[in-house]
């Protein structure tokens, strides 16, 4: 598992969190997030492709990237709203898991493997689109 390090490759030009090629999910507890990691590694995904995000990390590192993204006008994209949704979950104690899965099939396989786990939220950050992966 990789430690979380926010760098410019995970941000838009305006600095908002946007880790292209990653699936970011939120789960109710640390144990749920660890279970998701175990399921993924059991299916052959590398632990080095995963980063566990504590609620504190989301609230201190990721939430602050929204900054003034909507000033003077609302952003054309949804990246700021997406960060706000993650922040809402984190403020209720949910844990995050970031998984590098750049391909469409990787994301689909991953979501199939995680079926049955209590995913609160899951988004795939593609080149120009953030895709909802959970209803």
Protein backbone atom coordinates (compact mmCIF):
# COMPACT_ATOMS: atom_id res chain seq x y z
CA UNK A 1 0.00 0.00 0.00
CA UNK A 2 1.28 3.43 -0.96
CA UNK A 3 1.12 6.31 1.49
CA UNK A 4 -0.99 9.24 0.35
CA UNK A 5 1.02 12.11 -1.09
CA UNK A 6 -0.94 14.86 -2.79
CA UNK A 7 1.03 16.15 -5.75
CA UNK A 8 0.27 18.18 -8.84
CA UNK A 9 -0.42 15.04 -10.90
CA UNK A 10 -3.53 14.51 -8.74
CA UNK A 11 -4.89 18.01 -9.26
CA UNK A 12 -6.55 20.08 -11.95
CA UNK A 13 -4.82 23.20 -13.25
CA UNK A 14 -6.73 25.15 -10.59
CA UNK A 15 -5.50 22.78 -7.88
CA UNK A 16 -8.65 20.74 -7.19
CA UNK A 17 -8.19 17.04 -6.37
CA UNK A 18 -8.52 15.03 -9.61
CA UNK A 19 -6.41 11.84 -9.64
CA UNK A 20 -6.78 10.74 -13.27
CA UNK A 21 -6.76 6.96 -13.68
CA UNK A 22 -7.83 6.27 -10.11
CA UNK A 23 -10.99 4.91 -8.57
CA UNK A 24 -11.69 6.65 -5.28
CA UNK A 25 -14.18 5.01 -2.95
CA UNK A 26 -15.47 5.69 0.52
CA UNK A 27 -16.46 3.00 3.00
CA UNK A 28 -18.04 3.35 6.46
CA UNK A 29 -15.11 2.02 8.53
CA UNK A 30 -11.38 1.38 8.39
CA UNK A 31 -12.12 -2.36 8.57
CA UNK A 32 -14.39 -2.06 5.52
CA UNK A 33 -11.63 -0.27 3.59
CA UNK A 34 -9.08 -2.91 4.65
CA UNK A 35 -11.51 -5.64 3.55
CA UNK A 36 -11.83 -3.97 0.14
CA UNK A 37 -8.03 -3.94 -0.13
CA UNK A 38 -7.89 -7.63 0.73
CA UNK A 39 -10.54 -8.50 -1.87
CA UNK A 40 -8.63 -6.58 -4.53
CA UNK A 41 -5.25 -8.11 -3.68
CA UNK A 42 -6.88 -11.57 -3.57
CA UNK A 43 -7.91 -10.91 -7.19
CA UNK A 44 -4.35 -10.03 -8.19
CA UNK A 45 -4.29 -6.25 -7.85
CA UNK A 46 -1.03 -4.90 -6.49
CA UNK A 47 -1.11 -3.37 -3.02
CA UNK A 48 1.23 -0.73 -4.48
CA UNK A 49 -1.68 0.49 -6.61
CA UNK A 50 -3.74 1.26 -3.48
CA UNK A 51 -3.76 4.08 -0.96
CA UNK A 52 -5.82 4.07 2.22
CA UNK A 53 -7.30 7.48 3.08
CA UNK A 54 -8.21 8.15 6.69
CA UNK A 55 -11.05 10.58 7.36
CA UNK A 56 -8.42 13.00 8.68
CA UNK A 57 -6.45 12.82 5.43
CA UNK A 58 -9.54 13.52 3.35
CA UNK A 59 -10.52 16.42 5.61
CA UNK A 60 -7.07 17.99 5.84
CA UNK A 61 -5.38 17.22 2.53
CA UNK A 62 -8.08 16.67 -0.08
CA UNK A 63 -10.86 18.99 1.14
CA UNK A 64 -8.58 22.01 1.09
CA UNK A 65 -7.98 21.58 -2.66
CA UNK A 66 -11.44 23.00 -3.38
CA UNK A 67 -10.26 26.40 -2.18
CA UNK A 68 -11.78 29.05 -4.43
CA UNK A 69 -12.66 26.69 -7.29
CA UNK A 70 -16.13 28.21 -7.63
CA UNK A 71 -15.10 31.87 -7.43
CA UNK A 72 -16.02 34.07 -9.24
CA UNK A 73 -18.26 31.59 -11.11
CA UNK A 74 -19.13 27.96 -10.46
CA UNK A 75 -16.65 25.58 -12.05
CA UNK A 76 -17.67 24.05 -15.38
CA UNK A 77 -16.76 20.59 -14.10
CA UNK A 78 -17.87 18.56 -11.10
CA UNK A 79 -14.50 18.12 -9.42
CA UNK A 80 -15.20 20.58 -6.58
CA UNK A 81 -18.59 18.97 -5.88
CA UNK A 82 -16.95 15.55 -5.94
CA UNK A 83 -14.43 16.63 -3.31
CA UNK A 84 -17.28 18.04 -1.22
CA UNK A 85 -19.08 14.68 -1.34
CA UNK A 86 -15.93 12.88 -0.21
CA UNK A 87 -15.55 15.42 2.56
CA UNK A 88 -19.13 14.83 3.73
CA UNK A 89 -18.46 11.11 4.02
CA UNK A 90 -15.12 11.68 5.78
CA UNK A 91 -16.72 14.06 8.27
CA UNK A 92 -18.99 11.14 9.22
CA UNK A 93 -15.98 8.87 9.80
CA UNK A 94 -15.86 7.10 6.44
CA UNK A 95 -12.51 5.87 5.15
CA UNK A 96 -11.31 6.23 1.59
CA UNK A 97 -9.46 3.91 -0.73
CA UNK A 98 -7.72 5.11 -3.89
CA UNK A 99 -6.90 2.43 -6.44
CA UNK A 100 -4.98 3.01 -9.64
CA UNK A 101 -7.08 1.35 -12.34
CA UNK A 102 -6.61 3.31 -15.56
CA UNK A 103 -8.47 0.93 -17.86
CA UNK A 104 -12.23 0.63 -18.22
CA UNK A 105 -12.13 -3.16 -17.75
CA UNK A 106 -9.99 -2.83 -14.60
CA UNK A 107 -12.61 -0.56 -13.05
CA UNK A 108 -15.48 -2.85 -14.06
CA UNK A 109 -13.69 -5.93 -12.67
CA UNK A 110 -12.85 -4.12 -9.45
CA UNK A 111 -16.46 -3.05 -8.87
CA UNK A 112 -17.67 -6.61 -9.55
CA UNK A 113 -15.19 -8.00 -7.01
CA UNK A 114 -16.29 -5.45 -4.41
CA UNK A 115 -19.98 -6.19 -4.83
CA UNK A 116 -21.47 -6.85 -1.42
CA UNK A 117 -19.10 -4.54 0.44
CA UNK A 118 -20.66 -1.39 1.92
CA UNK A 119 -19.37 1.12 -0.62
CA UNK A 120 -20.81 4.53 0.25
CA UNK A 121 -19.30 6.20 -2.77
CA UNK A 122 -17.07 5.32 -5.71
CA UNK A 123 -15.84 7.50 -8.56
CA UNK A 124 -13.54 6.79 -11.47
CA UNK A 125 -11.45 9.77 -12.51
CA UNK A 126 -11.02 9.54 -16.27
CA UNK A 127 -9.25 12.06 -18.49
CA UNK A 128 -12.16 14.51 -18.78
CA UNK A 129 -14.97 12.78 -16.88
CA UNK A 130 -15.67 11.67 -13.32
CA UNK A 131 -17.75 8.51 -13.56
CA UNK A 132 -20.11 7.36 -10.77
CA UNK A 133 -19.50 3.70 -10.02
CA UNK A 134 -22.03 3.27 -7.20
CA UNK A 135 -25.72 4.10 -7.36
